[in-house]
Amino acid sequence: MSMSFTHHLFFCLNQRSNGDNCCDLHNAFVLFDYAKNRVKELGLAGPGKIRVNKAGCLDRCAEGPVMVVYPEGIWYTFIDEEDIEEIIQSHLISGRPVERLQLA
């Protein structure tokens, strides 16, 4: 059975109304949009390629914002568009996960 995507990215976009820490407080929506748009711009989106998805809480709120990349199951945290770009260029295109942004 073949996978429908080479990589599947899940971005936590959880919002908490009680003021507790959550990925939404750390620019998660803006960075999700950046990743989705860059993957499209680079011609990497679609069946057999890369899928960028929204996710609810991934239960790593204190480390946010977070995303997980499958099939490897690598967890990342990131600060800005440069971090997202590095993940796209190094991990998704060149097959080299970005160690400095990985969560254990």
C-alpha atoms as a PDB file:
ATOM      1  CA  MET A   1       0.000   0.000   0.000  1.00  0.00           C
ATOM      2  CA  SER A   2       1.458   3.380  -0.945  1.00  0.00           C
ATOM      3  CA  MET A   3       1.176   6.491   1.171  1.00  0.00           C
ATOM      4  CA  SER A   4      -0.889   9.299  -0.266  1.00  0.00           C
ATOM      5  CA  PHE A   5       1.693  11.918   0.826  1.00  0.00           C
ATOM      6  CA  THR A   6       5.484  11.836   1.157  1.00  0.00           C
ATOM      7  CA  HIS A   7       5.193  14.096   4.220  1.00  0.00           C
ATOM      8  CA  HIS A   8       2.255  15.132   6.335  1.00  0.00           C
ATOM      9  CA  LEU A   9       2.655  18.178   8.602  1.00  0.00           C
ATOM     10  CA  PHE A  10       0.302  18.743  11.519  1.00  0.00           C
ATOM     11  CA  PHE A  11       0.399  22.205  13.112  1.00  0.00           C
ATOM     12  CA  CYS A  12      -1.137  22.620  16.546  1.00  0.00           C
ATOM     13  CA  LEU A  13      -3.516  25.573  16.301  1.00  0.00           C
ATOM     14  CA  ASN A  14      -5.167  25.105  19.680  1.00  0.00           C
ATOM     15  CA  GLN A  15      -6.701  28.165  21.309  1.00  0.00           C
ATOM     16  CA  ARG A  16      -7.447  28.407  25.021  1.00  0.00           C
ATOM     17  CA  SER A  17      -9.923  30.983  26.222  1.00  0.00           C
ATOM     18  CA  ASN A  18      -8.812  30.766  29.877  1.00  0.00           C
ATOM     19  CA  GLY A  19      -5.451  32.439  29.226  1.00  0.00           C
ATOM     20  CA  ASP A  20      -3.370  29.274  29.647  1.00  0.00           C
ATOM     21  CA  ASN A  21      -0.378  28.805  27.368  1.00  0.00           C
ATOM     22  CA  CYS A  22      -1.288  27.483  23.915  1.00  0.00           C
ATOM     23  CA  CYS A  23       0.179  27.431  20.423  1.00  0.00           C
ATOM     24  CA  ASP A  24      -2.190  30.180  19.298  1.00  0.00           C
ATOM     25  CA  LEU A  25      -0.377  32.595  21.637  1.00  0.00           C
ATOM     26  CA  HIS A  26       2.876  31.907  19.772  1.00  0.00           C
ATOM     27  CA  ASN A  27       1.912  32.928  16.219  1.00  0.00           C
ATOM     28  CA  ALA A  28       0.897  29.391  15.223  1.00  0.00           C
ATOM     29  CA  PHE A  29      -1.789  30.503  12.731  1.00  0.00           C
ATOM     30  CA  VAL A  30       0.525  32.890  10.867  1.00  0.00           C
ATOM     31  CA  LEU A  31       3.273  30.268  10.649  1.00  0.00           C
ATOM     32  CA  PHE A  32       0.814  27.557   9.549  1.00  0.00           C
ATOM     33  CA  ASP A  33      -0.350  29.849   6.721  1.00  0.00           C
ATOM     34  CA  TYR A  34       3.249  30.578   5.767  1.00  0.00           C
ATOM     35  CA  ALA A  35       4.086  26.854   5.578  1.00  0.00           C
ATOM     36  CA  LYS A  36       0.956  26.023   3.572  1.00  0.00           C
ATOM     37  CA  ASN A  37       1.593  28.855   1.102  1.00  0.00           C
ATOM     38  CA  ARG A  38       5.324  28.075   0.706  1.00  0.00           C
ATOM     39  CA  VAL A  39       4.681  24.385   0.064  1.00  0.00           C
ATOM     40  CA  LYS A  40       2.203  25.427  -2.671  1.00  0.00           C
ATOM     41  CA  GLU A  41       4.573  28.062  -4.134  1.00  0.00           C
ATOM     42  CA  LEU A  42       7.365  25.507  -4.349  1.00  0.00           C
ATOM     43  CA  GLY A  43       5.109  23.026  -6.178  1.00  0.00           C
ATOM     44  CA  LEU A  44       5.336  20.536  -3.322  1.00  0.00           C
ATOM     45  CA  ALA A  45       1.624  20.376  -2.407  1.00  0.00           C
ATOM     46  CA  GLY A  46      -0.838  17.716  -3.467  1.00  0.00           C
ATOM     47  CA  PRO A  47      -1.316  13.950  -3.703  1.00  0.00           C
ATOM     48  CA  GLY A  48       1.964  12.061  -3.588  1.00  0.00           C
ATOM     49  CA  LYS A  49       3.695  15.170  -2.250  1.00  0.00           C
ATOM     50  CA  ILE A  50       3.292  17.211   0.946  1.00  0.00           C
ATOM     51  CA  ARG A  51       0.157  17.958   2.944  1.00  0.00           C
ATOM     52  CA  VAL A  52       0.036  20.747   5.557  1.00  0.00           C
ATOM     53  CA  ASN A  53      -2.805  20.265   8.057  1.00  0.00           C
ATOM     54  CA  LYS A  54      -4.340  22.070  11.012  1.00  0.00           C
ATOM     55  CA  ALA A  55      -4.492  20.085  14.220  1.00  0.00           C
ATOM     56  CA  GLY A  56      -6.166  20.587  17.543  1.00  0.00           C
ATOM     57  CA  CYS A  57      -4.200  20.313  20.758  1.00  0.00           C
ATOM     58  CA  LEU A  58      -1.152  18.051  20.409  1.00  0.00           C
ATOM     59  CA  ASP A  59      -0.599  18.154  24.201  1.00  0.00           C
ATOM     60  CA  ARG A  60       2.787  19.895  24.165  1.00  0.00           C
ATOM     61  CA  CYS A  61       1.515  23.352  25.079  1.00  0.00           C
ATOM     62  CA  ALA A  62       4.540  24.437  27.119  1.00  0.00           C
ATOM     63  CA  GLU A  63       6.823  23.791  24.135  1.00  0.00           C
ATOM     64  CA  GLY A  64       4.685  25.595  21.579  1.00  0.00           C
ATOM     65  CA  PRO A  65       4.220  26.363  18.911  1.00  0.00           C
ATOM     66  CA  VAL A  66       4.621  22.800  17.721  1.00  0.00           C
ATOM     67  CA  MET A  67       4.157  20.700  14.619  1.00  0.00           C
ATOM     68  CA  VAL A  68       4.785  17.052  13.913  1.00  0.00           C
ATOM     69  CA  VAL A  69       6.014  15.708  10.566  1.00  0.00           C
ATOM     70  CA  TYR A  70       5.027  12.224   9.441  1.00  0.00           C
ATOM     71  CA  PRO A  71       5.951   9.571   8.412  1.00  0.00           C
ATOM     72  CA  GLU A  72       9.066  10.201  10.529  1.00  0.00           C
ATOM     73  CA  GLY A  73       7.120  11.391  13.575  1.00  0.00           C
ATOM     74  CA  ILE A  74       9.538  14.277  14.144  1.00  0.00           C
ATOM     75  CA  TRP A  75       8.314  17.053  16.452  1.00  0.00           C
ATOM     76  CA  TYR A  76       9.393  20.631  15.865  1.00  0.00           C
ATOM     77  CA  THR A  77       9.039  23.927  17.609  1.00  0.00           C
ATOM     78  CA  PHE A  78       9.641  27.174  15.718  1.00  0.00           C
ATOM     79  CA  ILE A  79       9.698  30.910  16.233  1.00  0.00           C
ATOM     80  CA  ASP A  80       9.350  32.563  12.837  1.00  0.00           C
ATOM     81  CA  GLU A  81       9.118  32.162   9.066  1.00  0.00           C
ATOM     82  CA  GLU A  82      12.877  31.536   8.830  1.00  0.00           C
ATOM     83  CA  ASP A  83      12.486  28.441  11.031  1.00  0.00           C
ATOM     84  CA  ILE A  84       9.603  27.165   8.887  1.00  0.00           C
ATOM     85  CA  GLU A  85      11.630  27.820   5.728  1.00  0.00           C
ATOM     86  CA  GLU A  86      14.565  25.867   7.165  1.00  0.00           C
ATOM     87  CA  ILE A  87      12.285  22.904   7.933  1.00  0.00           C
ATOM     88  CA  ILE A  88      10.872  23.011   4.390  1.00  0.00           C
ATOM     89  CA  GLN A  89      14.267  23.292   2.682  1.00  0.00           C
ATOM     90  CA  SER A  90      16.244  20.905   4.874  1.00  0.00           C
ATOM     91  CA  HIS A  91      13.747  18.276   6.038  1.00  0.00           C
ATOM     92  CA  LEU A  92      11.050  18.214   3.373  1.00  0.00           C
ATOM     93  CA  ILE A  93      13.184  18.897   0.298  1.00  0.00           C
ATOM     94  CA  SER A  94      16.644  17.568   1.250  1.00  0.00           C
ATOM     95  CA  GLY A  95      15.627  14.837   3.702  1.00  0.00           C
ATOM     96  CA  ARG A  96      17.706  16.271   6.567  1.00  0.00           C
ATOM     97  CA  PRO A  97      15.666  16.926   9.731  1.00  0.00           C
ATOM     98  CA  VAL A  98      16.532  20.210  11.477  1.00  0.00           C
ATOM     99  CA  GLU A  99      18.055  19.099  14.763  1.00  0.00           C
ATOM    100  CA  ARG A 100      18.122  22.525  16.436  1.00  0.00           C
ATOM    101  CA  LEU A 101      14.319  22.848  16.153  1.00  0.00           C
ATOM    102  CA  GLN A 102      13.427  19.269  17.170  1.00  0.00           C
ATOM    103  CA  LEU A 103      11.637  18.403  20.380  1.00  0.00           C
ATOM    104  CA  ALA A 104      12.629  15.235  22.200  1.00  0.00           C
END
